[in-house]
N, C-alpha and C. Protein backbone atom coordinates (compact mmCIF):
# COMPACT_ATOMS: atom_id res chain seq x y z
N UNK A 1 101.32 64.72 10.01
CA UNK A 1 100.69 65.59 10.53
C UNK A 1 99.33 65.58 10.09
N UNK A 2 98.27 65.55 10.68
CA UNK A 2 96.73 65.38 9.95
C UNK A 2 96.45 66.83 9.37
N UNK A 3 95.17 66.93 8.97
CA UNK A 3 94.72 68.26 8.41
C UNK A 3 94.43 69.37 9.53
N UNK A 4 93.88 68.85 10.38
CA UNK A 4 93.88 69.99 11.74
C UNK A 4 95.13 70.66 11.95
N UNK A 5 96.28 70.06 12.25
CA UNK A 5 97.32 70.24 12.77
C UNK A 5 98.12 71.17 11.57
N UNK A 6 98.06 70.58 10.26
CA UNK A 6 98.59 71.24 9.05
C UNK A 6 98.23 72.71 8.98
N UNK A 7 96.70 72.82 8.93
CA UNK A 7 96.08 74.05 8.66
C UNK A 7 96.39 75.00 9.82
N UNK A 8 96.49 74.46 11.29
CA UNK A 8 96.52 75.43 12.29
C UNK A 8 98.14 75.87 12.31
N UNK A 9 98.91 75.02 11.83
CA UNK A 9 100.42 75.23 11.87
C UNK A 9 100.68 76.37 10.54
N UNK A 10 99.85 76.36 9.38
CA UNK A 10 100.06 77.44 8.56
C UNK A 10 99.55 78.55 8.95
N UNK A 11 98.10 78.41 9.52
CA UNK A 11 97.45 79.80 10.03
C UNK A 11 98.43 80.43 11.05
N UNK A 12 99.01 79.73 11.91
CA UNK A 12 100.07 80.29 12.89
C UNK A 12 101.18 80.95 12.48
N UNK A 13 101.84 80.47 10.94
CA UNK A 13 102.98 80.91 10.56
C UNK A 13 102.72 82.31 9.92
N UNK A 14 101.56 82.39 9.16
CA UNK A 14 101.33 83.41 8.28
C UNK A 14 100.79 84.75 9.00
N UNK A 15 100.85 85.83 8.42
CA UNK A 15 99.95 87.36 8.88
C UNK A 15 98.54 86.96 9.00
N UNK A 16 98.02 87.64 10.12
CA UNK A 16 96.92 87.31 10.39
C UNK A 16 95.77 88.10 9.38
N UNK A 17 96.44 88.97 8.52
CA UNK A 17 95.63 89.76 7.61
C UNK A 17 95.28 88.93 6.41
N UNK A 18 95.96 87.65 5.96
CA UNK A 18 96.21 86.96 5.09
C UNK A 18 94.82 85.72 5.20
N UNK A 19 93.81 85.66 4.28
CA UNK A 19 92.76 84.81 4.24
C UNK A 19 93.27 83.76 3.47
N UNK A 20 93.17 82.31 4.28
CA UNK A 20 93.21 81.14 3.65
C UNK A 20 92.00 80.65 2.95
N UNK A 21 91.66 80.21 1.66
CA UNK A 21 90.95 79.88 1.05
C UNK A 21 91.18 78.33 0.84
N UNK A 22 90.32 77.25 1.51
CA UNK A 22 91.08 76.09 1.25
C UNK A 22 90.33 75.41 -0.29
N UNK A 23 91.16 75.13 -1.14
CA UNK A 23 90.65 74.26 -2.25
C UNK A 23 90.29 73.03 -1.95
N UNK A 24 88.99 72.75 -2.11
CA UNK A 24 88.52 71.52 -2.07
C UNK A 24 88.12 70.24 -3.00
N UNK A 25 88.72 70.97 -4.02
CA UNK A 25 88.54 69.93 -5.32
C UNK A 25 88.87 68.39 -5.03
N UNK A 26 88.25 67.74 -5.09
CA UNK A 26 88.44 65.97 -5.08
C UNK A 26 88.37 65.71 -3.62
N UNK A 27 88.23 66.76 -2.81
CA UNK A 27 88.23 66.50 -1.28
C UNK A 27 87.14 65.81 -0.45
N UNK A 28 87.19 64.94 0.59
CA UNK A 28 85.66 64.38 0.82
C UNK A 28 85.09 65.31 1.65
N UNK A 29 83.84 65.14 2.01
CA UNK A 29 83.18 66.07 2.86
C UNK A 29 83.68 65.89 4.26
N UNK A 30 84.26 64.77 4.81
CA UNK A 30 84.97 64.38 5.89
C UNK A 30 86.07 65.37 6.29
N UNK A 31 86.71 65.47 4.93
CA UNK A 31 88.23 66.12 5.03
C UNK A 31 87.71 67.66 5.13
N UNK A 32 86.71 68.34 4.23
CA UNK A 32 86.27 69.38 4.43
C UNK A 32 85.82 69.91 6.04
N UNK A 33 85.01 68.90 6.26
CA UNK A 33 84.42 69.30 7.75
C UNK A 33 85.57 69.57 8.75
N UNK A 34 86.69 68.64 8.64
CA UNK A 34 87.78 68.78 9.81
C UNK A 34 88.49 69.96 9.84
N UNK A 35 88.64 70.54 8.38
CA UNK A 35 89.15 71.76 8.37
C UNK A 35 88.65 72.86 8.64
N UNK A 36 87.29 72.81 8.65
CA UNK A 36 86.27 73.95 9.08
C UNK A 36 86.08 73.69 10.62
N UNK A 37 86.43 72.63 11.15
CA UNK A 37 86.26 72.51 12.36
C UNK A 37 87.59 73.02 13.37
N UNK A 38 88.58 73.11 12.16
CA UNK A 38 90.23 73.44 12.69
C UNK A 38 90.19 75.01 12.53
N UNK A 39 88.96 75.68 11.94
CA UNK A 39 88.86 77.17 12.14
C UNK A 39 88.98 77.57 10.70
N UNK A 40 88.90 76.97 9.86
CA UNK A 40 88.65 77.48 8.39
C UNK A 40 87.73 78.47 8.09
N UNK A 41 87.71 79.36 7.44
CA UNK A 41 86.68 80.44 7.28
C UNK A 41 86.23 80.60 5.92
N UNK A 42 86.99 80.12 4.88
CA UNK A 42 86.53 80.19 3.34
C UNK A 42 87.18 78.98 2.94
N UNK A 43 86.19 78.52 2.02
CA UNK A 43 86.51 77.28 1.13
C UNK A 43 85.93 77.50 -0.33
N UNK A 44 86.89 77.11 -1.33
CA UNK A 44 86.77 77.62 -2.53
C UNK A 44 86.59 76.26 -3.53
N UNK A 45 85.58 76.14 -4.67
CA UNK A 45 85.61 74.84 -5.37
C UNK A 45 85.69 75.63 -6.73
N UNK A 46 86.10 74.34 -7.63
CA UNK A 46 86.31 74.70 -8.92
C UNK A 46 85.23 74.45 -9.67
N UNK A 47 84.23 73.57 -9.43
CA UNK A 47 83.08 73.02 -10.25
C UNK A 47 81.97 73.22 -9.27
N UNK A 48 81.02 73.87 -10.22
CA UNK A 48 79.68 74.11 -9.33
C UNK A 48 79.06 72.80 -8.78
N UNK A 49 78.90 71.90 -9.85
CA UNK A 49 78.35 70.38 -9.24
C UNK A 49 78.90 70.06 -8.08
N UNK A 50 80.50 70.13 -8.03
CA UNK A 50 80.90 69.76 -6.72
C UNK A 50 80.67 70.47 -5.63
N UNK A 51 80.53 71.82 -5.57
CA UNK A 51 80.00 72.60 -4.65
C UNK A 51 78.88 72.51 -4.03
N UNK A 52 77.98 72.26 -5.22
CA UNK A 52 76.49 71.73 -4.34
C UNK A 52 76.57 70.52 -3.68
N UNK A 53 77.11 69.35 -4.13
CA UNK A 53 77.07 68.42 -3.39
C UNK A 53 78.04 68.15 -2.15
N UNK A 54 78.97 69.21 -2.31
CA UNK A 54 79.85 69.44 -0.80
C UNK A 54 78.76 70.15 0.25
N UNK A 55 78.12 71.16 -0.38
CA UNK A 55 77.46 71.98 0.60
C UNK A 55 76.13 70.96 1.19
N UNK A 56 75.69 70.25 0.13
CA UNK A 56 74.41 69.58 0.55
C UNK A 56 75.11 68.48 1.58
N UNK A 57 76.18 67.73 1.72
CA UNK A 57 76.77 66.65 2.48
C UNK A 57 77.06 67.28 3.64
N UNK A 58 77.56 68.52 3.88
CA UNK A 58 78.03 69.22 5.12
C UNK A 58 77.24 69.64 5.80
N UNK A 59 75.79 69.97 5.49
CA UNK A 59 74.74 70.70 6.24
C UNK A 59 75.13 71.89 6.79
N UNK A 60 75.09 71.80 8.21
CA UNK A 60 74.90 72.92 8.89
C UNK A 60 76.64 73.26 8.88
N UNK A 61 77.70 72.60 8.83
CA UNK A 61 78.96 73.21 8.99
C UNK A 61 79.25 73.95 7.66
N UNK A 62 78.37 73.67 6.53
CA UNK A 62 78.82 74.58 5.25
C UNK A 62 78.36 75.90 5.46
N UNK A 63 77.50 76.24 6.62
CA UNK A 63 77.22 77.72 6.67
C UNK A 63 78.13 78.53 7.58
N UNK A 64 79.37 77.81 8.13
CA UNK A 64 80.16 78.53 8.83
C UNK A 64 81.33 79.00 8.09
N UNK A 65 81.23 78.86 6.78
CA UNK A 65 82.52 79.32 5.73
C UNK A 65 81.87 80.45 4.50
N UNK A 66 82.52 81.20 4.28
CA UNK A 66 82.46 81.61 2.65
C UNK A 66 82.82 80.54 1.61
N UNK A 67 81.99 80.61 0.71
CA UNK A 67 81.98 79.73 -0.31
C UNK A 67 82.51 80.48 -1.46
N UNK A 68 83.72 80.07 -2.16
CA UNK A 68 84.59 80.79 -3.39
C UNK A 68 84.52 80.01 -4.63
N UNK A 69 83.95 80.74 -5.73
CA UNK A 69 84.21 79.87 -7.25
C UNK A 69 85.39 80.45 -7.49
N UNK A 70 86.57 79.50 -7.75
CA UNK A 70 87.56 79.55 -8.16
C UNK A 70 87.95 78.97 -9.28
N UNK A 71 87.22 78.24 -10.11
CA UNK A 71 87.26 77.79 -11.37
C UNK A 71 86.40 78.62 -12.22
N UNK A 72 86.50 78.21 -13.21
CA UNK A 72 85.35 78.90 -14.87
C UNK A 72 84.05 78.76 -14.36
N UNK A 73 83.34 79.70 -14.60
CA UNK A 73 82.17 79.91 -14.33
C UNK A 73 81.29 80.03 -15.51
N UNK A 74 80.49 79.21 -16.03
CA UNK A 74 79.89 78.95 -17.33
C UNK A 74 78.82 79.77 -17.17
N UNK A 75 78.06 80.65 -18.38
CA UNK A 75 77.01 81.45 -18.32
C UNK A 75 75.84 80.45 -17.97
N UNK A 76 75.52 79.29 -18.29
CA UNK A 76 74.09 78.42 -18.21
C UNK A 76 74.54 77.95 -16.66
N UNK A 77 75.35 78.12 -15.85
CA UNK A 77 75.25 77.54 -14.45
C UNK A 77 75.26 78.85 -13.51
N UNK A 78 75.05 79.83 -14.18
CA UNK A 78 75.29 81.11 -13.06
C UNK A 78 74.10 81.37 -11.88
N UNK A 79 73.06 80.88 -12.47
CA UNK A 79 72.02 81.13 -11.40
C UNK A 79 72.03 80.32 -10.44
N UNK A 80 72.55 78.91 -10.83
CA UNK A 80 72.49 78.04 -9.47
C UNK A 80 73.80 78.24 -8.69
N UNK A 81 75.05 78.87 -9.45
CA UNK A 81 75.94 79.37 -8.76
C UNK A 81 75.65 80.32 -7.64
N UNK A 82 74.79 81.26 -8.07
CA UNK A 82 74.34 82.33 -7.02
C UNK A 82 73.83 81.83 -5.73
N UNK A 83 73.54 80.42 -5.82
CA UNK A 83 72.78 80.03 -4.46
C UNK A 83 73.68 79.39 -3.89
N UNK A 84 74.84 78.87 -3.92
CA UNK A 84 76.09 78.28 -3.63
C UNK A 84 76.84 79.24 -3.03
N UNK A 85 77.84 80.12 -4.14
CA UNK A 85 78.72 80.69 -3.70
C UNK A 85 78.57 82.41 -3.08
N UNK A 86 79.45 82.59 -2.28
CA UNK A 86 79.27 83.91 -1.84
C UNK A 86 80.31 84.72 -2.60
N UNK A 87 81.38 84.27 -3.35
CA UNK A 87 82.00 85.32 -3.94
C UNK A 87 82.49 84.46 -5.16
N UNK A 88 83.00 85.34 -6.19
CA UNK A 88 83.36 84.79 -7.60
C UNK A 88 84.68 85.37 -7.86
N UNK A 89 85.65 84.41 -8.05
CA UNK A 89 86.97 84.85 -8.07
C UNK A 89 87.34 85.21 -9.35
N UNK A 90 86.79 84.54 -10.54
CA UNK A 90 87.15 84.26 -11.63
C UNK A 90 86.80 85.00 -13.01
N UNK A 91 86.42 86.47 -12.74
CA UNK A 91 85.81 86.77 -13.75
C UNK A 91 86.54 87.28 -14.99
N UNK A 92 86.59 87.19 -15.97
CA UNK A 92 87.82 87.55 -17.04
C UNK A 92 87.13 88.51 -18.21
N UNK A 93 85.84 88.88 -18.33
CA UNK A 93 85.13 89.47 -19.72
C UNK A 93 84.00 90.04 -19.12
N UNK A 94 83.85 91.33 -19.71
CA UNK A 94 82.54 92.09 -19.32
C UNK A 94 81.20 91.16 -19.67
N UNK A 95 81.55 90.32 -21.01
CA UNK A 95 79.72 89.48 -21.00
C UNK A 95 79.85 88.56 -19.77
N UNK A 96 81.00 88.21 -19.44
CA UNK A 96 80.80 87.27 -18.28
C UNK A 96 80.22 87.76 -17.16
N UNK A 97 80.65 89.21 -16.91
CA UNK A 97 80.24 90.03 -15.97
C UNK A 97 78.91 90.37 -15.94
N UNK A 98 78.41 90.74 -17.17
CA UNK A 98 76.83 91.34 -17.65
C UNK A 98 75.90 90.19 -17.18
N UNK A 99 76.66 88.86 -17.64
CA UNK A 99 75.46 87.79 -17.45
C UNK A 99 75.36 87.33 -15.97
N UNK A 100 76.34 87.67 -15.28
CA UNK A 100 76.02 87.43 -13.98
C UNK A 100 75.41 88.17 -13.14
N UNK A 101 75.62 89.69 -13.60
CA UNK A 101 74.91 90.60 -13.14
C UNK A 101 73.34 90.80 -13.05
N UNK A 102 73.16 90.30 -14.34
CA UNK A 102 71.48 89.98 -14.80
C UNK A 102 71.20 89.20 -13.84
N UNK A 103 71.69 87.97 -13.63
CA UNK A 103 70.94 86.85 -12.81
C UNK A 103 71.15 87.47 -11.41
N UNK A 104 72.06 88.03 -11.05
CA UNK A 104 71.99 88.63 -9.58
C UNK A 104 70.86 89.73 -9.26
N UNK A 105 70.64 90.45 -10.41
CA UNK A 105 69.68 90.99 -10.17
C UNK A 105 68.01 90.48 -10.07
N UNK A 106 68.01 89.47 -10.70
CA UNK A 106 67.05 88.53 -10.38
C UNK A 106 66.75 87.99 -9.22
N UNK A 107 67.80 87.94 -8.52
CA UNK A 107 67.67 87.28 -7.03
C UNK A 107 67.73 88.53 -6.14
N UNK A 108 67.94 89.72 -6.55
CA UNK A 108 68.00 90.95 -5.67
C UNK A 108 69.31 90.95 -4.87
N UNK A 109 70.41 90.46 -5.54
CA UNK A 109 71.53 90.28 -4.51
C UNK A 109 72.62 91.37 -5.26
N UNK A 110 73.61 91.50 -4.52
CA UNK A 110 74.94 92.10 -5.27
C UNK A 110 76.30 90.94 -4.68
N UNK A 111 76.68 90.89 -6.18
CA UNK A 111 77.61 89.93 -5.95
C UNK A 111 79.09 90.08 -5.93
N UNK A 112 79.87 89.80 -4.61
CA UNK A 112 81.11 90.32 -4.69
C UNK A 112 82.21 89.53 -5.65
N UNK A 113 82.65 90.00 -6.38
CA UNK A 113 83.76 89.08 -7.52
C UNK A 113 85.00 89.92 -7.48
N UNK A 114 85.73 89.19 -8.10
CA UNK A 114 87.41 89.50 -8.24
C UNK A 114 87.45 89.19 -10.05
N UNK A 115 88.72 89.95 -10.60
CA UNK A 115 88.93 89.85 -11.93
C UNK A 115 89.99 89.18 -11.87
N UNK A 116 89.84 87.97 -12.66
CA UNK A 116 91.19 87.17 -12.99
C UNK A 116 91.99 87.57 -13.69
N UNK A 117 93.26 87.53 -13.58
CA UNK A 117 94.50 88.14 -14.88
C UNK A 117 95.25 86.87 -14.79
N UNK A 118 95.52 86.63 -16.31
CA UNK A 118 96.34 85.51 -17.15
C UNK A 118 97.93 85.90 -16.78
N UNK A 119 98.25 86.25 -15.68
CA UNK A 119 99.89 86.77 -15.43
C UNK A 119 100.59 86.06 -16.66
N UNK A 120 100.59 84.85 -16.61
CA UNK A 120 101.45 84.11 -17.26
C UNK A 120 101.35 83.83 -19.05
N UNK A 121 99.82 84.87 -19.54
CA UNK A 121 99.62 84.23 -20.72
C UNK A 121 99.63 83.05 -21.26
N UNK A 122 99.09 82.25 -20.21
CA UNK A 122 99.01 81.02 -20.80
C UNK A 122 97.71 80.61 -21.63
N UNK A 123 97.84 79.78 -22.52
CA UNK A 123 96.67 79.66 -23.30
C UNK A 123 95.71 78.81 -22.75
N UNK A 124 96.11 77.75 -21.67
CA UNK A 124 95.39 77.30 -20.87
C UNK A 124 94.50 77.45 -20.02
N UNK A 125 94.68 78.64 -19.65
CA UNK A 125 93.84 79.40 -18.57
C UNK A 125 93.08 80.64 -18.97
N UNK A 126 92.36 80.53 -18.09
CA UNK A 126 91.30 81.90 -18.31
C UNK A 126 91.82 83.10 -17.77
N UNK A 127 91.52 84.21 -18.03
CA UNK A 127 91.83 85.47 -17.45
C UNK A 127 91.94 86.42 -18.30
N UNK A 128 91.91 88.18 -17.84
CA UNK A 128 92.61 88.98 -18.64
C UNK A 128 94.02 88.79 -19.01
N UNK A 129 94.36 89.39 -20.13
CA UNK A 129 95.82 89.14 -20.31
C UNK A 129 96.53 90.59 -19.63
N UNK A 130 97.68 90.14 -19.12
CA UNK A 130 98.11 91.29 -18.06
C UNK A 130 98.98 92.55 -18.86
N UNK A 131 97.68 93.32 -19.32
CA UNK A 131 97.84 94.42 -19.95
C UNK A 131 97.37 95.32 -19.07
N UNK A 132 97.71 96.37 -18.75
CA UNK A 132 96.92 97.14 -17.50
C UNK A 132 95.76 97.62 -18.25
N UNK A 133 96.01 98.42 -19.22
CA UNK A 133 94.83 99.00 -19.94
C UNK A 133 93.67 98.22 -20.17
N UNK A 134 93.94 96.76 -20.47
CA UNK A 134 92.64 95.98 -20.58
C UNK A 134 92.08 95.59 -19.07
N UNK A 135 92.86 95.54 -18.05
CA UNK A 135 92.50 95.26 -16.89
C UNK A 135 91.67 96.35 -16.51
N UNK A 136 92.17 97.56 -16.67
CA UNK A 136 91.49 98.88 -16.56
C UNK A 136 90.08 99.03 -16.98
N UNK A 137 90.11 98.95 -18.39
CA UNK A 137 88.85 98.98 -19.26
C UNK A 137 87.79 98.11 -18.45
N UNK A 138 88.09 96.71 -18.55
CA UNK A 138 87.20 96.01 -17.59
C UNK A 138 86.55 96.27 -16.47
N UNK A 139 87.48 96.65 -15.60
CA UNK A 139 86.92 97.19 -14.04
C UNK A 139 86.29 98.27 -14.20
N UNK A 140 86.63 99.03 -15.32
CA UNK A 140 85.83 100.64 -15.38
C UNK A 140 84.33 100.20 -15.93
N UNK A 141 84.03 99.41 -16.91
CA UNK A 141 82.95 98.64 -17.45
C UNK A 141 82.11 98.12 -16.27
N UNK A 142 82.76 97.37 -15.31
CA UNK A 142 82.19 96.44 -14.46
C UNK A 142 81.52 97.53 -13.51
N UNK A 143 81.84 98.98 -13.59
CA UNK A 143 81.15 99.67 -12.56
C UNK A 143 79.61 100.33 -12.79
N UNK A 144 79.67 99.84 -14.00
CA UNK A 144 78.29 100.10 -14.49
C UNK A 144 77.15 99.03 -13.88
N UNK A 145 77.32 98.03 -13.73
CA UNK A 145 76.63 96.95 -13.21
C UNK A 145 76.59 97.18 -11.62
N UNK A 146 75.20 97.13 -11.51
CA UNK A 146 74.58 97.48 -10.19
C UNK A 146 74.56 96.34 -9.17
N UNK A 147 74.59 95.22 -9.95
CA UNK A 147 74.61 94.05 -8.91
C UNK A 147 75.63 93.36 -8.49
N UNK A 148 76.68 93.97 -8.91
CA UNK A 148 78.15 93.33 -8.95
C UNK A 148 79.07 94.27 -7.99
N UNK A 149 79.86 93.92 -7.09
CA UNK A 149 80.84 94.53 -6.50
C UNK A 149 82.21 94.20 -6.79
N UNK A 150 83.20 94.70 -7.24
CA UNK A 150 84.41 94.49 -7.71
C UNK A 150 85.26 94.54 -6.47
N UNK A 151 85.53 93.56 -5.93
CA UNK A 151 86.59 93.41 -4.60
C UNK A 151 87.90 93.06 -4.42
N UNK A 152 88.40 92.77 -5.91
CA UNK A 152 89.65 91.91 -5.67
C UNK A 152 90.24 91.49 -7.16
N UNK A 153 91.51 91.46 -7.14
CA UNK A 153 91.93 90.91 -8.39
C UNK A 153 92.46 89.29 -8.05
N UNK A 154 92.67 88.37 -9.04
CA UNK A 154 93.01 87.12 -8.76
C UNK A 154 94.24 86.67 -9.80
N UNK A 155 95.02 85.96 -9.63
CA UNK A 155 95.91 85.48 -10.50
C UNK A 155 96.45 84.00 -10.07
N UNK A 156 96.77 83.15 -10.83
CA UNK A 156 97.32 82.00 -10.59
C UNK A 156 99.12 82.06 -11.08
N UNK A 157 99.43 82.33 -12.21
CA UNK A 157 100.84 82.39 -12.66
C UNK A 157 100.83 80.87 -13.04
N UNK A 158 102.17 80.88 -13.91
CA UNK A 158 102.52 79.28 -14.37
C UNK A 158 102.73 78.59 -13.03
N UNK A 159 102.52 77.13 -13.53
CA UNK A 159 102.77 76.02 -12.58
C UNK A 159 104.45 76.04 -12.72
N UNK A 160 104.97 75.86 -11.73
CA UNK A 160 106.51 75.70 -11.59
C UNK A 160 107.29 75.03 -10.38
N UNK A 161 108.11 74.40 -10.31
CA UNK A 161 108.90 73.55 -9.30
C UNK A 161 109.40 74.31 -8.43
N UNK A 162 109.78 75.82 -9.02
CA UNK A 162 110.44 76.91 -8.15
C UNK A 162 109.68 77.60 -7.69
N UNK A 163 109.46 78.05 -6.36
CA UNK A 163 108.13 79.30 -6.26
C UNK A 163 108.79 80.33 -6.45
N UNK A 164 110.35 80.81 -6.77
CA UNK A 164 110.73 81.86 -6.92
C UNK A 164 110.31 82.27 -8.26
N UNK A 165 110.00 81.46 -9.13
CA UNK A 165 109.82 81.65 -10.75
C UNK A 165 108.44 82.35 -10.91
N UNK A 166 107.59 82.15 -9.72
CA UNK A 166 106.44 82.93 -9.85
C UNK A 166 106.28 84.43 -9.33
N UNK A 167 107.38 84.90 -8.78
CA UNK A 167 107.89 85.89 -8.26
C UNK A 167 107.29 87.42 -9.11
N UNK A 168 107.68 87.49 -10.29
CA UNK A 168 107.90 88.23 -11.14
C UNK A 168 106.36 88.59 -11.59
N UNK A 169 105.26 87.35 -11.82
CA UNK A 169 104.01 87.44 -12.19
C UNK A 169 103.14 87.75 -10.56
N UNK A 170 103.57 87.67 -9.75
CA UNK A 170 102.83 88.09 -8.71
C UNK A 170 103.30 89.81 -8.32
N UNK A 171 104.34 90.07 -8.71
CA UNK A 171 104.88 91.35 -8.44
C UNK A 171 103.70 92.36 -9.50
N UNK A 172 103.81 91.79 -10.72
CA UNK A 172 102.88 92.31 -11.81
C UNK A 172 101.40 92.75 -11.29
N UNK A 173 100.96 91.44 -10.82
CA UNK A 173 99.70 91.33 -10.44
C UNK A 173 99.45 92.68 -9.21
N UNK A 174 100.49 92.39 -8.26
CA UNK A 174 100.42 93.83 -7.14
C UNK A 174 100.18 95.04 -7.80
N UNK A 175 101.15 95.21 -8.69
CA UNK A 175 101.49 96.21 -9.41
C UNK A 175 99.82 96.92 -10.00
N UNK A 176 99.38 96.14 -10.71
CA UNK A 176 98.19 96.43 -10.98
C UNK A 176 96.82 96.52 -10.45
N UNK A 177 97.03 95.68 -9.15
CA UNK A 177 96.04 96.03 -7.85
C UNK A 177 96.21 97.34 -7.35
N UNK A 178 97.61 97.77 -7.17
CA UNK A 178 97.76 99.12 -6.64
C UNK A 178 97.40 100.57 -7.27
N UNK A 179 97.30 100.18 -8.79
CA UNK A 179 97.18 101.07 -9.78
C UNK A 179 95.63 101.20 -9.92
N UNK A 180 94.92 100.02 -10.08
CA UNK A 180 93.35 100.07 -10.22
C UNK A 180 92.79 100.87 -8.59
N UNK A 181 93.51 100.25 -7.63
CA UNK A 181 92.92 101.09 -6.30
C UNK A 181 93.28 102.68 -6.36
N UNK A 182 94.14 102.77 -7.23
CA UNK A 182 94.56 104.58 -6.78
C UNK A 182 93.41 105.17 -7.75
N UNK A 183 92.72 104.52 -8.75
CA UNK A 183 91.75 105.20 -9.46
C UNK A 183 90.32 105.50 -8.76
N UNK A 184 90.40 104.84 -7.49
CA UNK A 184 89.19 105.07 -6.79
C UNK A 184 87.88 105.52 -7.50
N UNK A 185 87.93 104.07 -8.22
CA UNK A 185 86.22 103.97 -9.13
C UNK A 185 85.41 103.75 -8.12
N UNK A 186 84.02 104.50 -8.53
CA UNK A 186 82.86 104.50 -7.81
C UNK A 186 82.35 102.93 -7.93
N UNK A 187 81.95 102.48 -6.77
CA UNK A 187 81.61 100.91 -6.89
C UNK A 187 82.45 99.99 -6.94
N UNK A 188 83.84 100.42 -6.90
CA UNK A 188 84.97 99.59 -6.96
C UNK A 188 85.54 99.36 -5.29
N UNK A 189 85.32 98.33 -4.37
CA UNK A 189 85.95 98.48 -3.41
C UNK A 189 87.06 97.37 -3.10
N UNK A 190 88.46 97.74 -3.78
CA UNK A 190 89.44 96.61 -4.06
C UNK A 190 90.15 96.63 -2.80
N UNK A 191 89.81 95.46 -2.07
CA UNK A 191 90.79 95.01 -0.91
C UNK A 191 91.39 93.59 -0.84
N UNK A 192 91.41 93.00 -1.79
CA UNK A 192 91.75 91.67 -1.86
C UNK A 192 92.46 91.40 -3.29
N UNK A 193 93.76 90.98 -2.92
CA UNK A 193 94.68 90.32 -3.78
C UNK A 193 94.79 88.99 -3.62
N UNK A 194 94.08 88.19 -4.38
CA UNK A 194 94.42 86.53 -4.28
C UNK A 194 95.09 85.84 -5.17
N UNK A 195 96.27 85.60 -4.69
CA UNK A 195 97.22 84.81 -5.37
C UNK A 195 98.32 84.01 -4.41
N UNK A 196 98.73 82.88 -5.15
CA UNK A 196 99.51 81.94 -4.25
C UNK A 196 98.53 80.61 -3.48
N UNK A 197 99.43 79.63 -4.04
CA UNK A 197 98.80 78.29 -3.61
C UNK A 197 99.59 77.45 -2.55
N UNK A 198 99.65 76.33 -2.91
CA UNK A 198 100.24 75.28 -1.91
C UNK A 198 101.75 75.74 -2.01
N UNK A 199 102.33 75.57 -3.39
CA UNK A 199 103.47 75.55 -3.83
C UNK A 199 104.35 76.91 -3.53
N UNK A 200 103.63 77.94 -3.50
CA UNK A 200 103.91 79.47 -3.66
C UNK A 200 103.49 80.24 -2.89
N UNK A 201 102.64 80.08 -1.90
CA UNK A 201 101.98 80.98 -0.99
C UNK A 201 102.78 81.96 -0.22
N UNK A 202 104.06 81.29 0.24
CA UNK A 202 104.86 82.20 0.82
C UNK A 202 105.54 83.23 -0.11
N UNK A 203 105.80 83.14 -1.10
CA UNK A 203 106.30 84.15 -2.03
C UNK A 203 105.17 85.10 -2.44
N UNK A 204 104.13 84.47 -2.50
CA UNK A 204 102.98 85.52 -2.90
C UNK A 204 102.61 86.63 -1.64
N UNK A 205 102.75 86.01 -0.62
CA UNK A 205 102.83 86.83 0.64
C UNK A 205 103.68 87.72 0.68
N UNK A 206 104.92 87.49 0.09
CA UNK A 206 106.02 88.65 0.22
C UNK A 206 105.77 89.51 -0.89
N UNK A 207 104.97 89.02 -1.79
CA UNK A 207 104.96 90.18 -3.00
C UNK A 207 103.60 90.87 -2.81
N UNK A 208 102.87 90.64 -1.93
CA UNK A 208 101.39 91.71 -1.25
C UNK A 208 100.20 90.60 -1.20
N UNK A 209 100.16 89.55 -1.43
CA UNK A 209 99.08 88.74 -1.39
C UNK A 209 98.28 88.91 0.15
N UNK A 210 97.08 88.95 -0.17
CA UNK A 210 96.36 89.12 1.30
C UNK A 210 95.37 87.82 1.29
N UNK A 211 95.32 86.96 0.18
CA UNK A 211 94.54 85.72 0.22
C UNK A 211 95.16 84.51 -0.57
N UNK A 212 95.34 83.56 -0.05
CA UNK A 212 96.04 82.37 -0.56
C UNK A 212 95.02 81.23 -0.85
N UNK A 213 95.26 80.53 -1.78
CA UNK A 213 94.34 79.25 -2.12
C UNK A 213 95.09 77.89 -1.40
N UNK A 214 94.81 77.25 -0.99
CA UNK A 214 95.79 76.04 -0.42
C UNK A 214 94.80 74.64 -0.38
N UNK A 215 95.47 73.45 -0.88
CA UNK A 215 94.82 72.38 -1.19
C UNK A 215 95.94 71.49 -0.67
N UNK A 216 96.62 71.03 -1.34
CA UNK A 216 97.94 69.86 -1.23
C UNK A 216 98.58 70.24 0.32
N UNK A 217 98.88 71.36 0.26
CA UNK A 217 99.79 71.79 1.54
C UNK A 217 98.90 71.39 2.82
N UNK A 218 97.74 71.24 2.73
CA UNK A 218 96.76 71.12 3.69
C UNK A 218 96.13 69.93 3.95
N UNK A 219 95.37 69.39 3.08
CA UNK A 219 95.13 68.42 2.96
C UNK A 219 95.78 66.90 2.43
N UNK A 220 96.95 67.13 1.88
CA UNK A 220 97.95 65.89 1.58
C UNK A 220 97.44 66.05 -0.08
N UNK A 221 98.04 64.85 -0.76
CA UNK A 221 98.13 64.29 -2.07
C UNK A 221 96.64 64.45 -2.61
N UNK A 222 96.25 64.80 -3.57
CA UNK A 222 94.90 64.47 -4.25
C UNK A 222 94.79 62.85 -4.26
N UNK A 223 93.53 62.47 -4.23
CA UNK A 223 93.23 61.34 -4.48
C UNK A 223 92.07 61.15 -5.42
N UNK A 224 92.30 60.64 -6.77
CA UNK A 224 91.27 61.10 -7.77
C UNK A 224 90.54 59.51 -8.01
């Protein structure tokens, strides 16, 4: 089954309210253009340089989708990132948020962002510790940033061969999402819970995800 057929199959199988972000890491412009033509609305990139190159090579097709930063965003690359990405999913500290807010203010734009939670407390991954007070404190502190709109939470959860192993991590993230939403904080429009990838998206949706990040299950195995 080709990229178009695989994307449309998944799109038809999952609820309409779930947004699919296509993870374009290592993919060719031809592959990404095909999935855009198949109806994709959102594309994610892990690295700024790859995103810049992809957007340039796609030309007009790049304007048909929203571009998500789904990797770690370094401070020295934020100015360039604001020209490429429509949304940053991976904020995990106030210093990082403050730096992005400063650069967004210079551009006169308000940047939609998600707070990333390291639900598995993995040393190799970024994200806020899965402690509600820490997540709450970060979101509250971000309400002071006028050029930033907190619109979601994001988590990965540990990589595992059994999707069921991810369930407790997704469940915890959903609980945090609901609790933050109940605070009804000014300037916070929490509407998206981004969790679930190729191996785990079905479990993630069952646990409350309304945005999934898919790569291999749509494009096939990565070619490095």
